[in-house]
């Protein structure tokens, strides 16, 4: 098991859910943290719980200029990012494609794809120069298994998967690793956001089954990044035991 002592980890979307859980797990393993998110109050509350030093970035990853400015001016010792957890992302709406909101589609593409690309491009040259680092991208089983209403959300996660795989191809010969972690159902604020704050509708998504928790995903991320340096877990797909593969979507007339 590789130690994270002396490492700097940047976690996007760190203010809640999987991002928060990953920050806690990585800090407990010895890494100092750069916590990025849109709500400073949540980042401050998280930083107060961490056993290692942290630096806060109130940041919207959809803004290329903001990402470039923030990550090019990190103070020492946070300026050399060894581990990036690209967690910032969201799903919006479950309408069929012909009824879906283009604004929702734009937001998902801007966050899940472009935001991930902006942050990755900002930290990757330093990793390659130092010949050490790990990129962990939070994807989804939706990248592989389509479902009605998943349309652009699933497409963005397919992008995350292909981008991760192509990064791995580019980085062969360096000691920079890339992992795409693809969870199934995890109980976070994801469904509440998707359904625009409708707590009852979000609750029903997980009714009668036991979903994964953010801590479950953080444990997997920690396992991936603490393998010996020559070991790269390319893709990790995980579902709760109560989730599986459904039938084809067939319309009976």
C-alpha atoms as a PDB file:
ATOM      1  CA  UNK A   1       0.000   0.000   0.000  1.00  0.00           C
ATOM      2  CA  UNK A   2       1.404   3.338  -1.076  1.00  0.00           C
ATOM      3  CA  UNK A   3       1.450   6.101   1.535  1.00  0.00           C
ATOM      4  CA  UNK A   4      -0.138   9.469   0.776  1.00  0.00           C
ATOM      5  CA  UNK A   5       2.032  11.330   3.274  1.00  0.00           C
ATOM      6  CA  UNK A   6       3.489  14.362   1.538  1.00  0.00           C
ATOM      7  CA  UNK A   7       0.973  14.189  -1.314  1.00  0.00           C
ATOM      8  CA  UNK A   8      -1.349  17.034  -2.289  1.00  0.00           C
ATOM      9  CA  UNK A   9      -4.832  15.970  -3.371  1.00  0.00           C
ATOM     10  CA  UNK A  10      -7.263  18.244  -5.208  1.00  0.00           C
ATOM     11  CA  UNK A  11     -10.920  17.264  -4.915  1.00  0.00           C
ATOM     12  CA  UNK A  12     -13.555  19.076  -6.968  1.00  0.00           C
ATOM     13  CA  UNK A  13     -17.142  19.174  -5.786  1.00  0.00           C
ATOM     14  CA  UNK A  14     -15.740  18.698  -2.291  1.00  0.00           C
ATOM     15  CA  UNK A  15     -18.578  20.393  -0.449  1.00  0.00           C
ATOM     16  CA  UNK A  16     -20.871  17.370  -0.179  1.00  0.00           C
ATOM     17  CA  UNK A  17     -21.478  13.736  -1.038  1.00  0.00           C
ATOM     18  CA  UNK A  18     -18.751  11.705  -2.709  1.00  0.00           C
ATOM     19  CA  UNK A  19     -16.363  14.663  -2.897  1.00  0.00           C
ATOM     20  CA  UNK A  20     -16.584  15.293   0.828  1.00  0.00           C
ATOM     21  CA  UNK A  21     -16.160  11.601   1.620  1.00  0.00           C
ATOM     22  CA  UNK A  22     -13.106  11.366  -0.663  1.00  0.00           C
ATOM     23  CA  UNK A  23     -11.521  14.414   0.982  1.00  0.00           C
ATOM     24  CA  UNK A  24     -11.959  12.869   4.423  1.00  0.00           C
ATOM     25  CA  UNK A  25     -10.560   9.485   3.353  1.00  0.00           C
ATOM     26  CA  UNK A  26      -7.537  10.993   1.596  1.00  0.00           C
ATOM     27  CA  UNK A  27      -6.804  13.298   4.522  1.00  0.00           C
ATOM     28  CA  UNK A  28      -6.973  10.396   6.946  1.00  0.00           C
ATOM     29  CA  UNK A  29      -4.462   8.608   4.706  1.00  0.00           C
ATOM     30  CA  UNK A  30      -2.023  11.521   5.070  1.00  0.00           C
ATOM     31  CA  UNK A  31      -2.627  13.765   2.056  1.00  0.00           C
ATOM     32  CA  UNK A  32      -2.973  17.525   2.331  1.00  0.00           C
ATOM     33  CA  UNK A  33      -6.080  18.760   0.529  1.00  0.00           C
ATOM     34  CA  UNK A  34      -7.087  21.409  -1.960  1.00  0.00           C
ATOM     35  CA  UNK A  35     -10.857  21.589  -1.557  1.00  0.00           C
ATOM     36  CA  UNK A  36     -12.718  23.034  -4.538  1.00  0.00           C
ATOM     37  CA  UNK A  37     -16.421  23.803  -4.603  1.00  0.00           C
ATOM     38  CA  UNK A  38     -18.971  26.520  -5.173  1.00  0.00           C
ATOM     39  CA  UNK A  39     -20.040  26.981  -1.541  1.00  0.00           C
ATOM     40  CA  UNK A  40     -17.321  28.271   0.735  1.00  0.00           C
ATOM     41  CA  UNK A  41     -19.324  27.608   3.912  1.00  0.00           C
ATOM     42  CA  UNK A  42     -19.412  23.895   3.123  1.00  0.00           C
ATOM     43  CA  UNK A  43     -15.700  23.832   2.343  1.00  0.00           C
ATOM     44  CA  UNK A  44     -14.913  25.572   5.634  1.00  0.00           C
ATOM     45  CA  UNK A  45     -17.018  23.060   7.552  1.00  0.00           C
ATOM     46  CA  UNK A  46     -15.221  20.190   5.827  1.00  0.00           C
ATOM     47  CA  UNK A  47     -11.748  21.667   6.403  1.00  0.00           C
ATOM     48  CA  UNK A  48     -12.484  21.879  10.128  1.00  0.00           C
ATOM     49  CA  UNK A  49     -12.944  18.092  10.208  1.00  0.00           C
ATOM     50  CA  UNK A  50      -9.757  17.133   8.366  1.00  0.00           C
ATOM     51  CA  UNK A  51      -6.637  15.926  10.207  1.00  0.00           C
ATOM     52  CA  UNK A  52      -4.278  17.377   7.564  1.00  0.00           C
ATOM     53  CA  UNK A  53      -3.839  20.931   6.212  1.00  0.00           C
ATOM     54  CA  UNK A  54      -6.200  22.162   3.524  1.00  0.00           C
ATOM     55  CA  UNK A  55      -6.547  25.051   1.089  1.00  0.00           C
ATOM     56  CA  UNK A  56      -9.991  26.217  -0.019  1.00  0.00           C
ATOM     57  CA  UNK A  57     -10.970  27.170  -3.564  1.00  0.00           C
ATOM     58  CA  UNK A  58     -14.400  28.681  -4.090  1.00  0.00           C
ATOM     59  CA  UNK A  59     -14.597  27.581  -7.696  1.00  0.00           C
ATOM     60  CA  UNK A  60     -17.067  26.822 -10.465  1.00  0.00           C
ATOM     61  CA  UNK A  61     -15.288  24.342 -12.740  1.00  0.00           C
ATOM     62  CA  UNK A  62     -17.434  25.477 -15.691  1.00  0.00           C
ATOM     63  CA  UNK A  63     -15.370  28.662 -15.909  1.00  0.00           C
ATOM     64  CA  UNK A  64     -12.155  27.997 -17.822  1.00  0.00           C
ATOM     65  CA  UNK A  65     -10.629  31.327 -16.805  1.00  0.00           C
ATOM     66  CA  UNK A  66     -11.475  30.789 -13.132  1.00  0.00           C
ATOM     67  CA  UNK A  67      -9.979  27.288 -13.148  1.00  0.00           C
ATOM     68  CA  UNK A  68      -6.794  28.459 -14.842  1.00  0.00           C
ATOM     69  CA  UNK A  69      -6.397  31.408 -12.472  1.00  0.00           C
ATOM     70  CA  UNK A  70      -7.083  29.395  -9.326  1.00  0.00           C
ATOM     71  CA  UNK A  71      -4.856  26.440 -10.139  1.00  0.00           C
ATOM     72  CA  UNK A  72      -1.956  28.518 -11.437  1.00  0.00           C
ATOM     73  CA  UNK A  73      -1.754  30.488  -8.191  1.00  0.00           C
ATOM     74  CA  UNK A  74      -1.977  27.813  -5.515  1.00  0.00           C
ATOM     75  CA  UNK A  75       0.289  28.627  -2.552  1.00  0.00           C
ATOM     76  CA  UNK A  76       3.035  26.289  -1.412  1.00  0.00           C
ATOM     77  CA  UNK A  77       2.875  23.498  -0.357  1.00  0.00           C
ATOM     78  CA  UNK A  78      -0.414  23.025  -2.243  1.00  0.00           C
ATOM     79  CA  UNK A  79       0.943  24.095  -5.628  1.00  0.00           C
ATOM     80  CA  UNK A  80       2.136  20.657  -6.720  1.00  0.00           C
ATOM     81  CA  UNK A  81      -0.985  18.532  -7.128  1.00  0.00           C
ATOM     82  CA  UNK A  82      -0.197  14.818  -6.997  1.00  0.00           C
ATOM     83  CA  UNK A  83      -3.729  13.468  -6.935  1.00  0.00           C
ATOM     84  CA  UNK A  84      -6.793  14.884  -8.670  1.00  0.00           C
ATOM     85  CA  UNK A  85     -10.289  13.612  -7.920  1.00  0.00           C
ATOM     86  CA  UNK A  86     -12.551  15.026 -10.633  1.00  0.00           C
ATOM     87  CA  UNK A  87     -15.794  14.649  -8.732  1.00  0.00           C
ATOM     88  CA  UNK A  88     -17.742  17.806  -9.658  1.00  0.00           C
ATOM     89  CA  UNK A  89     -20.729  16.782 -11.744  1.00  0.00           C
ATOM     90  CA  UNK A  90     -24.499  16.513 -11.824  1.00  0.00           C
ATOM     91  CA  UNK A  91     -27.544  15.135 -13.549  1.00  0.00           C
ATOM     92  CA  UNK A  92     -30.540  17.303 -14.417  1.00  0.00           C
ATOM     93  CA  UNK A  93     -33.995  16.109 -15.400  1.00  0.00           C
ATOM     94  CA  UNK A  94     -35.372  12.776 -16.582  1.00  0.00           C
ATOM     95  CA  UNK A  95     -37.431  13.999 -19.519  1.00  0.00           C
ATOM     96  CA  UNK A  96     -37.166  12.214 -22.893  1.00  0.00           C
ATOM     97  CA  UNK A  97     -34.802  13.922 -25.307  1.00  0.00           C
ATOM     98  CA  UNK A  98     -37.527  15.624 -27.338  1.00  0.00           C
ATOM     99  CA  UNK A  99     -38.882  17.301 -24.189  1.00  0.00           C
ATOM    100  CA  UNK A 100     -35.643  17.946 -22.315  1.00  0.00           C
ATOM    101  CA  UNK A 101     -34.275  21.379 -21.496  1.00  0.00           C
ATOM    102  CA  UNK A 102     -31.352  22.593 -23.577  1.00  0.00           C
ATOM    103  CA  UNK A 103     -30.267  24.652 -20.576  1.00  0.00           C
ATOM    104  CA  UNK A 104     -30.037  21.439 -18.534  1.00  0.00           C
ATOM    105  CA  UNK A 105     -28.062  19.785 -21.315  1.00  0.00           C
ATOM    106  CA  UNK A 106     -25.669  22.733 -21.465  1.00  0.00           C
ATOM    107  CA  UNK A 107     -25.149  22.655 -17.702  1.00  0.00           C
ATOM    108  CA  UNK A 108     -24.372  18.933 -17.671  1.00  0.00           C
ATOM    109  CA  UNK A 109     -21.965  19.196 -20.612  1.00  0.00           C
ATOM    110  CA  UNK A 110     -20.275  22.276 -19.164  1.00  0.00           C
ATOM    111  CA  UNK A 111     -19.814  20.665 -15.737  1.00  0.00           C
ATOM    112  CA  UNK A 112     -19.357  16.950 -16.398  1.00  0.00           C
ATOM    113  CA  UNK A 113     -17.222  17.277 -19.540  1.00  0.00           C
ATOM    114  CA  UNK A 114     -15.725  20.725 -19.967  1.00  0.00           C
ATOM    115  CA  UNK A 115     -15.161  21.341 -16.244  1.00  0.00           C
ATOM    116  CA  UNK A 116     -13.381  18.015 -15.905  1.00  0.00           C
ATOM    117  CA  UNK A 117     -11.218  18.823 -18.934  1.00  0.00           C
ATOM    118  CA  UNK A 118     -10.320  22.297 -17.644  1.00  0.00           C
ATOM    119  CA  UNK A 119      -9.172  21.041 -14.247  1.00  0.00           C
ATOM    120  CA  UNK A 120      -7.323  18.063 -15.711  1.00  0.00           C
ATOM    121  CA  UNK A 121      -5.434  20.196 -18.225  1.00  0.00           C
ATOM    122  CA  UNK A 122      -4.439  22.653 -15.502  1.00  0.00           C
ATOM    123  CA  UNK A 123      -2.760  20.072 -13.248  1.00  0.00           C
ATOM    124  CA  UNK A 124      -1.583  17.383 -15.675  1.00  0.00           C
ATOM    125  CA  UNK A 125       1.590  19.087 -17.012  1.00  0.00           C
ATOM    126  CA  UNK A 126       2.966  19.371 -13.476  1.00  0.00           C
ATOM    127  CA  UNK A 127       2.284  15.701 -12.803  1.00  0.00           C
ATOM    128  CA  UNK A 128       4.091  14.678 -15.971  1.00  0.00           C
ATOM    129  CA  UNK A 129       7.019  16.983 -15.212  1.00  0.00           C
ATOM    130  CA  UNK A 130       7.384  15.501 -11.718  1.00  0.00           C
ATOM    131  CA  UNK A 131       6.719  11.998 -13.094  1.00  0.00           C
ATOM    132  CA  UNK A 132       4.186  11.160 -10.411  1.00  0.00           C
ATOM    133  CA  UNK A 133       0.477  11.582  -9.976  1.00  0.00           C
ATOM    134  CA  UNK A 134      -2.956  10.039 -10.257  1.00  0.00           C
ATOM    135  CA  UNK A 135      -6.103  11.264 -11.997  1.00  0.00           C
ATOM    136  CA  UNK A 136      -9.337   9.806 -10.636  1.00  0.00           C
ATOM    137  CA  UNK A 137     -12.423  10.664 -12.660  1.00  0.00           C
ATOM    138  CA  UNK A 138     -15.870  10.007 -11.185  1.00  0.00           C
ATOM    139  CA  UNK A 139     -17.911   8.507 -13.967  1.00  0.00           C
ATOM    140  CA  UNK A 140     -21.073   6.427 -13.774  1.00  0.00           C
ATOM    141  CA  UNK A 141     -22.532   3.113 -14.860  1.00  0.00           C
ATOM    142  CA  UNK A 142     -24.713   5.363 -17.039  1.00  0.00           C
ATOM    143  CA  UNK A 143     -21.685   5.565 -19.348  1.00  0.00           C
ATOM    144  CA  UNK A 144     -22.336   1.956 -20.349  1.00  0.00           C
ATOM    145  CA  UNK A 145     -25.969   1.177 -19.573  1.00  0.00           C
ATOM    146  CA  UNK A 146     -28.517   3.615 -21.079  1.00  0.00           C
ATOM    147  CA  UNK A 147     -31.905   4.222 -19.504  1.00  0.00           C
ATOM    148  CA  UNK A 148     -34.942   6.304 -20.470  1.00  0.00           C
ATOM    149  CA  UNK A 149     -34.331   9.925 -19.527  1.00  0.00           C
ATOM    150  CA  UNK A 150     -30.582   9.424 -19.177  1.00  0.00           C
ATOM    151  CA  UNK A 151     -29.824  10.937 -22.615  1.00  0.00           C
ATOM    152  CA  UNK A 152     -27.211  13.701 -22.147  1.00  0.00           C
ATOM    153  CA  UNK A 153     -26.248  12.701 -18.599  1.00  0.00           C
ATOM    154  CA  UNK A 154     -25.277   9.228 -19.815  1.00  0.00           C
ATOM    155  CA  UNK A 155     -23.479  10.758 -22.797  1.00  0.00           C
ATOM    156  CA  UNK A 156     -21.399  12.990 -20.525  1.00  0.00           C
ATOM    157  CA  UNK A 157     -20.341   9.983 -18.469  1.00  0.00           C
ATOM    158  CA  UNK A 158     -19.435   8.099 -21.646  1.00  0.00           C
ATOM    159  CA  UNK A 159     -17.207  11.081 -22.392  1.00  0.00           C
ATOM    160  CA  UNK A 160     -15.598  10.736 -18.952  1.00  0.00           C
ATOM    161  CA  UNK A 161     -14.883   7.082 -19.686  1.00  0.00           C
ATOM    162  CA  UNK A 162     -13.333   7.681 -23.114  1.00  0.00           C
ATOM    163  CA  UNK A 163     -11.369  10.699 -21.924  1.00  0.00           C
ATOM    164  CA  UNK A 164      -9.959   8.620 -19.063  1.00  0.00           C
ATOM    165  CA  UNK A 165      -8.980   5.783 -21.382  1.00  0.00           C
ATOM    166  CA  UNK A 166      -7.329   8.141 -23.855  1.00  0.00           C
ATOM    167  CA  UNK A 167      -5.456   9.926 -21.073  1.00  0.00           C
ATOM    168  CA  UNK A 168      -4.075   6.537 -20.048  1.00  0.00           C
ATOM    169  CA  UNK A 169      -2.907   5.993 -23.621  1.00  0.00           C
ATOM    170  CA  UNK A 170      -1.157   9.380 -23.686  1.00  0.00           C
ATOM    171  CA  UNK A 171       0.510   8.840 -20.323  1.00  0.00           C
ATOM    172  CA  UNK A 172       2.111   5.454 -20.997  1.00  0.00           C
ATOM    173  CA  UNK A 173       5.775   5.738 -20.046  1.00  0.00           C
ATOM    174  CA  UNK A 174       5.106   8.197 -17.245  1.00  0.00           C
ATOM    175  CA  UNK A 175       4.303   7.388 -13.635  1.00  0.00           C
ATOM    176  CA  UNK A 176       0.987   9.235 -13.860  1.00  0.00           C
ATOM    177  CA  UNK A 177      -1.985   6.929 -13.454  1.00  0.00           C
ATOM    178  CA  UNK A 178      -5.623   7.301 -14.530  1.00  0.00           C
ATOM    179  CA  UNK A 179      -8.715   5.648 -13.065  1.00  0.00           C
ATOM    180  CA  UNK A 180     -12.371   5.961 -14.022  1.00  0.00           C
ATOM    181  CA  UNK A 181     -14.593   5.060 -11.050  1.00  0.00           C
ATOM    182  CA  UNK A 182     -18.123   4.270 -12.212  1.00  0.00           C
ATOM    183  CA  UNK A 183     -20.703   4.025  -9.415  1.00  0.00           C
ATOM    184  CA  UNK A 184     -24.276   2.906  -9.695  1.00  0.00           C
ATOM    185  CA  UNK A 185     -26.832   4.140  -7.177  1.00  0.00           C
ATOM    186  CA  UNK A 186     -25.256   6.236  -4.419  1.00  0.00           C
ATOM    187  CA  UNK A 187     -27.437   8.122  -1.960  1.00  0.00           C
ATOM    188  CA  UNK A 188     -26.274  11.739  -2.062  1.00  0.00           C
ATOM    189  CA  UNK A 189     -27.895  15.029  -3.095  1.00  0.00           C
ATOM    190  CA  UNK A 190     -27.658  13.809  -6.709  1.00  0.00           C
ATOM    191  CA  UNK A 191     -31.343  12.932  -7.069  1.00  0.00           C
ATOM    192  CA  UNK A 192     -32.491  16.025  -5.187  1.00  0.00           C
ATOM    193  CA  UNK A 193     -30.502  18.152  -7.645  1.00  0.00           C
ATOM    194  CA  UNK A 194     -31.781  16.158 -10.612  1.00  0.00           C
ATOM    195  CA  UNK A 195     -35.374  16.701  -9.488  1.00  0.00           C
ATOM    196  CA  UNK A 196     -34.852  20.393  -8.624  1.00  0.00           C
ATOM    197  CA  UNK A 197     -35.122  20.071  -4.867  1.00  0.00           C
ATOM    198  CA  UNK A 198     -38.081  17.659  -4.807  1.00  0.00           C
ATOM    199  CA  UNK A 199     -37.033  15.737  -1.676  1.00  0.00           C
ATOM    200  CA  UNK A 200     -39.916  13.280  -1.835  1.00  0.00           C
ATOM    201  CA  UNK A 201     -39.205  12.295  -5.428  1.00  0.00           C
ATOM    202  CA  UNK A 202     -35.504  11.984  -4.612  1.00  0.00           C
ATOM    203  CA  UNK A 203     -36.262   9.790  -1.598  1.00  0.00           C
ATOM    204  CA  UNK A 204     -38.290   7.377  -3.719  1.00  0.00           C
ATOM    205  CA  UNK A 205     -35.261   6.698  -5.930  1.00  0.00           C
ATOM    206  CA  UNK A 206     -33.711   4.755  -3.028  1.00  0.00           C
ATOM    207  CA  UNK A 207     -36.928   3.485  -1.422  1.00  0.00           C
ATOM    208  CA  UNK A 208     -36.953  -0.189  -0.480  1.00  0.00           C
ATOM    209  CA  UNK A 209     -33.274  -0.849  -1.313  1.00  0.00           C
ATOM    210  CA  UNK A 210     -29.855  -0.152   0.143  1.00  0.00           C
ATOM    211  CA  UNK A 211     -27.843   2.162  -2.090  1.00  0.00           C
ATOM    212  CA  UNK A 212     -24.130   2.738  -1.902  1.00  0.00           C
ATOM    213  CA  UNK A 213     -22.909   5.502   0.387  1.00  0.00           C
ATOM    214  CA  UNK A 214     -20.382   8.240  -0.385  1.00  0.00           C
ATOM    215  CA  UNK A 215     -18.024   6.516   2.056  1.00  0.00           C
ATOM    216  CA  UNK A 216     -18.227   3.324  -0.037  1.00  0.00           C
ATOM    217  CA  UNK A 217     -17.008   5.212  -3.099  1.00  0.00           C
ATOM    218  CA  UNK A 218     -14.321   7.055  -1.138  1.00  0.00           C
ATOM    219  CA  UNK A 219     -13.028   3.696   0.101  1.00  0.00           C
ATOM    220  CA  UNK A 220     -12.720   2.510  -3.508  1.00  0.00           C
ATOM    221  CA  UNK A 221     -10.946   5.718  -4.556  1.00  0.00           C
ATOM    222  CA  UNK A 222      -8.522   5.329  -1.653  1.00  0.00           C
ATOM    223  CA  UNK A 223      -7.835   1.725  -2.651  1.00  0.00           C
ATOM    224  CA  UNK A 224      -7.103   2.759  -6.250  1.00  0.00           C
ATOM    225  CA  UNK A 225      -4.673   5.542  -5.355  1.00  0.00           C
ATOM    226  CA  UNK A 226      -2.754   3.548  -2.734  1.00  0.00           C
ATOM    227  CA  UNK A 227      -1.796   0.628  -4.965  1.00  0.00           C
ATOM    228  CA  UNK A 228       1.934   0.247  -5.711  1.00  0.00           C
ATOM    229  CA  UNK A 229       3.090   2.808  -8.310  1.00  0.00           C
ATOM    230  CA  UNK A 230       3.293   0.226 -11.112  1.00  0.00           C
ATOM    231  CA  UNK A 231      -0.381  -0.801 -10.676  1.00  0.00           C
ATOM    232  CA  UNK A 232      -3.106   1.131 -12.554  1.00  0.00           C
ATOM    233  CA  UNK A 233      -6.776   0.337 -12.087  1.00  0.00           C
ATOM    234  CA  UNK A 234      -8.228   1.532 -15.375  1.00  0.00           C
ATOM    235  CA  UNK A 235     -11.951   1.281 -14.665  1.00  0.00           C
ATOM    236  CA  UNK A 236     -13.816   0.333 -11.506  1.00  0.00           C
ATOM    237  CA  UNK A 237     -17.548  -0.319 -11.937  1.00  0.00           C
ATOM    238  CA  UNK A 238     -19.543  -0.712  -8.731  1.00  0.00           C
ATOM    239  CA  UNK A 239     -23.222  -1.131  -7.902  1.00  0.00           C
ATOM    240  CA  UNK A 240     -25.104  -1.868  -4.695  1.00  0.00           C
ATOM    241  CA  UNK A 241     -26.147  -5.489  -4.278  1.00  0.00           C
ATOM    242  CA  UNK A 242     -29.762  -4.379  -4.752  1.00  0.00           C
ATOM    243  CA  UNK A 243     -29.084  -2.952  -8.217  1.00  0.00           C
ATOM    244  CA  UNK A 244     -28.612  -4.983 -11.369  1.00  0.00           C
ATOM    245  CA  UNK A 245     -29.234  -5.032 -15.110  1.00  0.00           C
ATOM    246  CA  UNK A 246     -32.758  -4.488 -16.368  1.00  0.00           C
ATOM    247  CA  UNK A 247     -34.579  -5.692 -19.482  1.00  0.00           C
ATOM    248  CA  UNK A 248     -34.538  -3.863 -22.769  1.00  0.00           C
ATOM    249  CA  UNK A 249     -36.928  -0.905 -22.951  1.00  0.00           C
ATOM    250  CA  UNK A 250     -39.713  -2.326 -25.102  1.00  0.00           C
ATOM    251  CA  UNK A 251     -42.931  -0.440 -25.864  1.00  0.00           C
ATOM    252  CA  UNK A 252     -45.873  -2.881 -26.004  1.00  0.00           C
ATOM    253  CA  UNK A 253     -48.706  -1.746 -28.255  1.00  0.00           C
END
